[in-house]
Protein backbone atom coordinates (compact mmCIF):
# COMPACT_ATOMS: atom_id res chain seq x y z
CA MET A 1 91.39 82.05 65.79
CA LYS A 2 91.30 85.86 66.00
CA ILE A 3 90.28 88.14 68.83
CA ASN A 4 88.22 91.29 68.59
CA ASP A 5 91.00 93.87 68.21
CA ASN A 6 88.74 96.56 69.65
CA TYR A 7 89.29 95.06 73.09
CA LEU A 8 92.94 96.04 72.80
CA ASN A 9 91.82 99.69 72.90
CA LEU A 10 90.54 99.24 76.45
CA SER A 11 92.64 100.09 79.49
CA SER A 12 94.11 96.99 81.08
CA ASN A 13 91.95 97.25 84.20
CA TYR A 14 88.42 98.38 84.92
CA LEU A 15 88.58 101.39 87.29
CA PHE A 16 86.91 99.74 90.27
CA ALA A 17 88.90 96.54 89.85
CA ASP A 18 92.09 98.61 89.99
CA ILE A 19 90.91 100.32 93.17
CA ALA A 20 90.07 96.98 94.77
CA LYS A 21 93.52 95.65 93.88
CA ARG A 22 95.24 98.62 95.54
CA VAL A 23 93.07 98.32 98.64
CA ARG A 24 93.83 94.59 98.94
CA ALA A 25 97.55 95.30 98.67
CA PHE A 26 97.33 97.93 101.42
CA LYS A 27 95.36 95.60 103.71
CA ALA A 28 97.95 92.87 103.17
CA GLN A 29 100.68 95.30 104.27
CA SER A 30 98.62 96.77 107.12
CA PRO A 31 96.29 93.99 108.32
CA LYS A 32 95.28 95.89 111.46
CA ALA A 33 94.13 98.97 109.56
CA ASP A 34 90.38 99.62 109.68
CA VAL A 35 89.69 100.75 106.11
CA ILE A 36 86.50 102.71 105.47
CA SER A 37 85.25 102.91 101.89
CA LEU A 38 83.69 106.11 100.60
CA GLY A 39 84.59 105.06 97.07
CA ILE A 40 82.73 102.26 95.30
CA GLY A 41 79.03 102.97 95.45
CA ASP A 42 77.72 99.83 97.14
CA VAL A 43 74.96 100.33 99.69
CA THR A 44 75.09 99.49 103.39
CA GLN A 45 71.48 99.65 104.59
CA PRO A 46 69.43 96.42 104.45
CA LEU A 47 66.47 95.80 102.20
CA CYS A 48 63.33 97.44 103.51
CA PRO A 49 60.74 95.22 105.31
CA ALA A 50 58.23 95.37 102.44
CA VAL A 51 60.83 94.02 100.03
CA VAL A 52 61.96 91.29 102.44
CA GLU A 53 58.35 90.22 102.95
CA ALA A 54 57.82 90.06 99.18
CA LEU A 55 60.97 87.97 98.75
CA HIS A 56 59.82 85.50 101.42
CA LYS A 57 56.39 85.21 99.83
CA ALA A 58 57.88 84.73 96.35
CA ALA A 59 60.29 82.08 97.67
CA ASP A 60 57.38 80.21 99.23
CA GLU A 61 55.56 80.34 95.90
CA MET A 62 58.59 78.84 94.19
CA GLY A 63 58.44 75.90 96.61
CA THR A 64 54.96 74.82 95.56
CA ALA A 65 54.13 73.26 92.21
CA ALA A 66 50.89 75.21 91.82
CA THR A 67 52.64 78.60 92.18
CA PHE A 68 56.12 77.77 90.86
CA HIS A 69 57.55 80.08 88.18
CA GLY A 70 60.10 78.92 85.63
CA TYR A 71 61.20 81.02 82.69
CA GLY A 72 59.39 84.32 82.79
CA PRO A 73 58.77 86.81 79.99
CA GLU A 74 62.01 88.34 78.74
CA GLN A 75 60.39 91.77 78.86
CA GLY A 76 59.38 91.41 82.52
CA TYR A 77 56.22 90.31 84.30
CA ASP A 78 53.14 92.45 83.72
CA PHE A 79 52.67 93.04 87.45
CA LEU A 80 55.97 94.94 87.62
CA ARG A 81 55.73 96.69 84.25
CA ASN A 82 52.26 97.99 85.12
CA ALA A 83 53.45 99.15 88.55
CA ILE A 84 56.33 101.05 86.93
CA VAL A 85 53.99 102.75 84.46
CA GLU A 86 51.62 103.79 87.24
CA HIS A 87 54.02 104.88 89.97
CA VAL A 88 57.08 106.11 88.07
CA PHE A 89 55.53 107.78 85.04
CA ARG A 90 51.78 108.39 85.26
CA ALA A 91 52.20 109.69 88.82
CA ARG A 92 54.37 112.46 87.35
CA GLY A 93 52.12 113.13 84.38
CA MET A 94 54.08 111.15 81.78
CA SER A 95 52.50 108.81 79.26
CA ILE A 96 54.47 105.55 79.00
CA ASP A 97 52.93 102.19 78.04
CA ALA A 98 53.75 98.88 79.69
CA ASP A 99 55.08 97.43 76.43
CA GLU A 100 57.67 100.22 76.37
CA ILE A 101 59.11 98.92 79.67
CA PHE A 102 61.77 96.19 79.62
CA VAL A 103 62.75 94.78 83.03
CA SER A 104 66.44 93.88 83.36
CA ASP A 105 69.04 92.80 85.90
CA GLY A 106 70.23 96.40 86.28
CA ALA A 107 71.00 99.59 84.42
CA LYS A 108 74.69 98.73 83.97
CA SER A 109 73.85 95.80 81.72
CA ASP A 110 71.40 97.69 79.55
CA THR A 111 73.47 100.88 79.18
CA GLY A 112 76.31 98.68 77.99
CA ASN A 113 74.22 96.40 75.79
CA PHE A 114 71.75 98.74 74.13
CA GLN A 115 74.36 100.11 71.74
CA GLU A 116 74.37 96.68 70.05
CA LEU A 117 71.31 97.86 68.12
CA LEU A 118 73.26 100.65 66.45
CA SER A 119 75.70 100.69 63.58
CA THR A 120 79.34 100.33 64.55
CA ASP A 121 80.15 103.50 62.62
CA SER A 122 77.87 105.56 64.85
CA VAL A 123 79.64 108.44 66.59
CA VAL A 124 79.00 108.44 70.32
CA ALA A 125 79.17 111.50 72.59
CA VAL A 126 79.78 111.15 76.31
CA THR A 127 80.27 113.66 79.07
CA ASP A 128 83.76 113.89 80.55
CA PRO A 129 84.05 112.75 83.32
CA VAL A 130 81.84 109.78 82.58
CA TYR A 131 80.72 106.42 83.96
CA PRO A 132 83.28 104.06 82.34
CA VAL A 133 80.74 101.53 81.02
CA TYR A 134 79.41 104.00 78.44
CA VAL A 135 82.87 104.39 76.90
CA ASP A 136 84.19 100.86 77.27
CA SER A 137 81.13 99.12 75.82
CA ASN A 138 81.32 101.30 72.69
CA LEU A 139 85.08 100.88 72.36
CA MET A 140 84.46 97.13 72.36
CA ALA A 141 82.35 97.65 69.25
CA GLY A 142 84.90 99.95 67.59
CA ARG A 143 82.87 103.16 67.70
CA SER A 144 84.32 106.66 67.73
CA ILE A 145 83.92 108.56 71.01
CA VAL A 146 83.47 112.32 71.34
CA LYS A 147 84.04 113.68 74.84
CA LEU A 148 82.11 116.68 76.15
CA PRO A 149 84.09 118.26 79.03
CA CYS A 150 82.21 118.99 82.24
CA THR A 151 84.31 121.27 84.41
CA ALA A 152 83.90 123.75 87.23
CA GLU A 153 84.24 126.49 84.62
CA ASN A 154 81.08 125.42 82.77
CA GLY A 155 79.25 124.42 85.94
CA PHE A 156 79.63 120.74 84.99
CA VAL A 157 77.02 121.27 82.27
CA PRO A 158 78.26 119.90 78.93
CA GLU A 159 78.09 122.02 75.82
CA LEU A 160 76.20 120.74 72.80
CA PRO A 161 78.46 118.85 70.36
CA ARG A 162 80.20 120.99 67.75
CA GLN A 163 80.24 118.08 65.32
CA HIS A 164 77.52 115.69 64.33
CA VAL A 165 77.06 112.78 66.72
CA ASP A 166 74.61 109.90 66.48
CA VAL A 167 74.31 108.90 70.12
CA ILE A 168 74.54 110.93 73.34
CA TYR A 169 74.91 109.41 76.81
CA LEU A 170 73.53 111.60 79.59
CA CYS A 171 73.39 110.59 83.25
CA TYR A 172 71.53 112.86 85.68
CA PRO A 173 71.83 113.14 88.61
CA ASN A 174 75.33 112.60 87.34
CA ASN A 175 77.72 109.83 88.18
CA PRO A 176 80.42 110.79 89.12
CA THR A 177 80.00 114.55 89.68
CA GLY A 178 76.69 114.43 91.57
CA THR A 179 75.46 117.44 89.61
CA THR A 180 72.07 117.84 87.91
CA LEU A 181 70.37 119.48 84.92
CA THR A 182 67.31 121.71 85.08
CA LYS A 183 64.38 121.10 82.75
CA GLU A 184 65.51 124.05 80.64
CA GLN A 185 69.03 122.63 80.31
CA LEU A 186 67.73 119.17 79.46
CA LYS A 187 65.34 120.60 76.87
CA LYS A 188 68.35 121.89 74.89
CA TRP A 189 69.55 118.29 74.52
CA VAL A 190 66.15 117.01 73.45
CA ASP A 191 65.88 119.82 70.89
CA TYR A 192 69.39 119.06 69.62
CA ALA A 193 68.63 115.35 69.26
CA LEU A 194 65.40 116.02 67.38
CA SER A 195 67.08 118.51 65.05
CA ASN A 196 70.12 116.33 64.36
CA ASP A 197 68.59 112.86 64.19
CA ALA A 198 70.52 111.84 67.29
CA LEU A 199 69.54 109.35 69.98
CA ILE A 200 69.89 110.09 73.70
CA PHE A 201 70.66 107.32 76.17
CA TYR A 202 69.44 108.81 79.45
CA ASP A 203 70.64 107.11 82.62
CA ALA A 204 68.23 108.01 85.43
CA ALA A 205 69.63 105.53 87.95
CA TYR A 206 69.79 108.14 90.73
CA GLU A 207 66.55 110.05 90.14
CA ALA A 208 65.09 108.90 93.47
CA PHE A 209 67.72 110.97 95.31
CA ILE A 210 66.54 114.27 93.81
CA GLN A 211 65.42 116.69 96.53
CA ASN A 212 64.71 119.78 94.41
CA ASP A 213 61.29 119.96 92.74
CA ASP A 214 62.79 121.83 89.76
CA ILE A 215 65.03 118.92 88.76
CA PRO A 216 63.47 116.46 86.27
CA HIS A 217 63.25 112.82 87.36
CA SER A 218 62.89 111.59 83.78
CA ILE A 219 63.80 112.90 80.36
CA TYR A 220 60.20 112.21 79.33
CA GLU A 221 59.18 115.26 81.36
CA ILE A 222 60.58 117.17 78.38
CA PRO A 223 58.20 117.48 75.37
CA GLY A 224 59.44 115.49 72.39
CA ALA A 225 61.77 113.23 74.38
CA LYS A 226 59.80 110.10 73.52
CA ARG A 227 60.92 110.59 69.91
CA CYS A 228 64.63 110.71 70.68
CA ALA A 229 65.46 109.13 74.05
CA VAL A 230 65.85 105.72 75.68
CA GLU A 231 65.86 105.84 79.48
CA PHE A 232 67.52 103.50 81.97
CA HIS A 233 66.48 102.96 85.60
CA SER A 234 67.96 100.94 88.44
CA TYR A 235 66.77 99.68 91.83
CA SER A 236 70.36 99.15 93.01
CA LYS A 237 70.72 102.42 94.91
CA THR A 238 67.02 103.35 95.04
CA ALA A 239 66.06 100.24 97.03
CA GLY A 240 69.37 98.59 97.91
CA PHE A 241 69.17 95.99 95.13
CA THR A 242 72.91 95.81 94.41
CA GLY A 243 72.76 92.14 95.40
CA VAL A 244 69.20 91.44 94.25
CA ARG A 245 69.68 92.80 90.70
CA CYS A 246 66.77 94.50 89.00
CA GLY A 247 66.19 97.57 86.86
CA PHE A 248 64.32 98.57 83.74
CA THR A 249 64.75 100.33 80.41
CA VAL A 250 62.17 102.45 78.61
CA VAL A 251 62.14 102.15 74.82
CA PRO A 252 59.36 104.37 73.44
CA LYS A 253 57.47 103.24 70.38
CA ASP A 254 57.52 106.86 69.15
CA LEU A 255 61.29 106.94 68.59
CA GLN A 256 62.39 108.38 65.25
CA ILE A 257 63.96 105.01 64.49
CA SER A 258 61.99 101.91 65.52
CA LEU A 259 64.08 100.42 68.31
CA ASN A 260 61.35 98.95 70.52
CA PRO A 261 60.87 95.78 68.41
CA LEU A 262 64.62 95.47 67.87
CA TRP A 263 65.37 95.62 71.59
CA ASN A 264 62.60 93.10 72.16
CA ARG A 265 64.22 90.83 69.56
CA ARG A 266 67.63 91.26 71.17
CA GLN A 267 66.30 90.45 74.65
CA THR A 268 64.42 87.35 73.55
CA THR A 269 67.64 86.07 71.98
CA LYS A 270 70.22 87.02 74.61
CA PHE A 271 68.31 87.37 77.88
CA ASN A 272 66.15 84.89 79.78
CA GLY A 273 64.48 87.47 81.95
CA THR A 274 64.97 88.83 85.46
CA SER A 275 64.15 86.39 88.24
CA TYR A 276 60.60 86.16 89.56
CA LEU A 277 61.86 86.81 93.08
CA SER A 278 63.65 90.01 92.07
CA GLN A 279 60.61 91.32 90.23
CA ARG A 280 58.25 90.64 93.13
CA ALA A 281 60.75 92.43 95.36
CA ALA A 282 60.80 95.41 92.98
CA GLU A 283 57.01 95.48 92.84
CA ALA A 284 56.92 95.79 96.65
CA ILE A 285 58.70 99.15 96.66
CA TYR A 286 55.63 100.67 94.99
CA SER A 287 53.30 99.62 97.80
CA PRO A 288 52.39 102.35 100.33
CA GLU A 289 54.64 100.73 102.93
CA GLY A 290 57.43 100.16 100.42
CA LYS A 291 57.39 103.76 99.23
CA LYS A 292 57.63 105.05 102.79
CA GLN A 293 60.43 102.65 103.74
CA VAL A 294 62.49 103.27 100.60
CA ARG A 295 62.12 107.02 101.06
CA ALA A 296 63.45 106.69 104.62
CA THR A 297 66.53 104.82 103.41
CA ILE A 298 67.20 107.39 100.70
CA GLN A 299 66.96 110.17 103.29
CA TYR A 300 69.41 108.22 105.45
CA TYR A 301 71.99 108.38 102.68
CA MET A 302 71.18 112.00 101.84
CA LYS A 303 71.81 112.91 105.47
CA ASN A 304 75.29 111.46 104.98
CA ALA A 305 75.70 113.54 101.83
CA CYS A 306 74.68 116.71 103.67
CA VAL A 307 77.11 116.03 106.54
CA MET A 308 79.90 115.28 104.08
CA ARG A 309 79.30 118.48 102.11
CA GLU A 310 79.32 120.61 105.25
CA GLU A 311 82.31 119.04 106.96
CA LEU A 312 84.47 118.79 103.84
CA THR A 313 83.69 122.42 103.03
CA ASP A 314 84.71 123.35 106.56
CA MET A 315 88.01 121.58 105.86
CA ASN A 316 88.46 123.96 102.88
CA PHE A 317 87.74 121.35 100.21
CA LYS A 318 85.87 122.49 97.10
CA VAL A 319 82.83 120.22 96.96
CA TYR A 320 80.24 119.73 94.20
CA GLY A 321 77.17 117.50 94.09
CA GLY A 322 75.66 115.82 97.14
CA ALA A 323 72.53 118.01 97.14
CA ASP A 324 70.33 115.96 94.78
CA SER A 325 72.65 112.98 94.50
CA PRO A 326 74.48 110.46 96.70
CA TYR A 327 77.77 111.41 94.99
CA LEU A 328 80.15 114.21 95.92
CA TRP A 329 82.82 115.50 93.55
CA VAL A 330 85.74 116.85 95.56
CA ARG A 331 88.70 118.90 94.33
CA THR A 332 92.02 117.47 95.46
CA PRO A 333 94.14 119.78 97.65
CA ASN A 334 97.57 121.21 96.91
CA SER A 335 97.43 120.37 93.18
CA MET A 336 97.63 116.64 93.95
CA THR A 337 96.62 114.28 91.15
CA SER A 338 93.59 112.08 91.68
CA TRP A 339 95.65 108.95 92.28
CA GLU A 340 98.08 110.80 94.56
CA PHE A 341 95.20 111.91 96.73
CA PHE A 342 93.72 108.39 96.61
CA ASP A 343 97.00 107.02 97.96
CA TRP A 344 97.21 109.73 100.62
CA MET A 345 93.65 109.01 101.77
CA LEU A 346 94.24 105.27 101.88
CA HIS A 347 97.62 105.27 103.59
CA SER A 348 97.12 108.24 105.93
CA ALA A 349 93.43 108.18 106.83
CA HIS A 350 92.63 104.59 105.82
CA VAL A 351 89.74 105.90 103.73
CA VAL A 352 88.97 104.80 100.17
CA CYS A 353 87.82 107.30 97.52
CA THR A 354 87.51 106.98 93.74
CA PRO A 355 90.11 108.88 91.66
CA GLY A 356 88.42 111.25 89.26
CA ALA A 357 90.97 110.54 86.54
CA GLY A 358 89.40 107.09 86.22
CA PHE A 359 86.29 108.76 84.81
CA GLY A 360 88.11 110.63 82.07
CA PRO A 361 90.61 113.47 81.48
CA SER A 362 88.34 116.14 82.97
CA GLY A 363 88.19 114.11 86.17
CA GLU A 364 91.85 114.70 86.92
CA GLY A 365 92.27 116.70 90.10
CA TYR A 366 89.05 115.39 91.65
CA VAL A 367 87.88 112.37 93.60
CA ARG A 368 84.40 110.93 93.93
CA LEU A 369 82.98 110.21 97.37
CA THR A 370 79.72 108.37 98.03
CA ALA A 371 77.14 108.76 100.76
CA PHE A 372 76.26 105.06 100.94
CA GLY A 373 78.11 104.34 104.19
CA THR A 374 76.61 104.15 107.64
CA HIS A 375 76.30 107.36 109.64
CA GLU A 376 78.95 106.10 112.05
CA LYS A 377 81.49 105.10 109.41
CA THR A 378 80.92 108.29 107.45
CA GLU A 379 81.54 110.45 110.51
CA GLU A 380 84.62 108.42 111.41
CA ALA A 381 86.03 108.78 107.89
CA LEU A 382 85.51 112.53 107.97
CA HIS A 383 87.17 112.75 111.38
CA ARG A 384 90.20 110.86 110.12
CA ILE A 385 90.55 113.07 107.04
CA ASP A 386 90.30 116.23 109.14
CA LYS A 387 92.84 114.90 111.63
CA LYS A 388 95.38 114.05 108.92
CA LEU A 389 95.15 117.32 106.98
């Protein structure tokens, strides 16, 4: 028996598992400490009433033979795919067909799995810092990785690759930096991909948090993007589905290489579809009541982001992001490393952050904070940090 040697190229621990291990160790040593997490991006607000109502109704349907649902279509039920087309794309003037939508159990799965369709000798470009799944899933396949530094000096906007690459991962609003691209900046990437026969994997998991009308919610707002880009969406942060699990991927039929039927073939082989309950819950967020309720929850988190930006800036921290994103990218003080500041925050203020170094070399000297806490816990965490400085 032989293992896949590519797995030996991975770091021993996944970033967030390492953080959880350190937090558990601290709690074991200080059981009375009230630890507040501003690190891992789980949500705190409950599902909105429209979603809860849809879940109850779907559960009742599953309890009656006449309305019971077993295996569903691997691509997703038509009721959800059609709702996505209408409310996510056509409402913003984009032309996407229902058979280009593939419902999944979340963007993390699909951003990690979609690269299976590509040759293992494909060269993959990622921004640095970067969401670890993009890198790790390609290392597992043995692909070469090209890192595109995103630093304060370049405004956290990556430069176009200086060498040929086959695949480009872009995530905007960005995780972890919380920064965004304008339509003009995004157009440069679409033009590059079209000119260089490259494929863009565009992670739009946080598009619902955009506040500025000039920031694109989808790469398909850019002419030509349907010929070079696959787009990933998630309900995890948009509607609090971190425990419900649902998202979707857009695979245009106009792509320069025909990936739509290949992804369909992959899904029918390896995926049995997202649960009926989850898809009915996702459908509910597009109802008039659902839209209003989800928007209120997003604004709740963005209020946290605004407060965090203001108060951390008042504490003389250099803060990026948090304006069109639930993530804030914070420079560590006094030349501390990311993990040194993580330890200081945990042991002194009993607050958890995410070390920027865990997102790549360009993340060193930063930490990521999230706005997904409650108002009360967020304010308390900020008070503790200020008090300990």
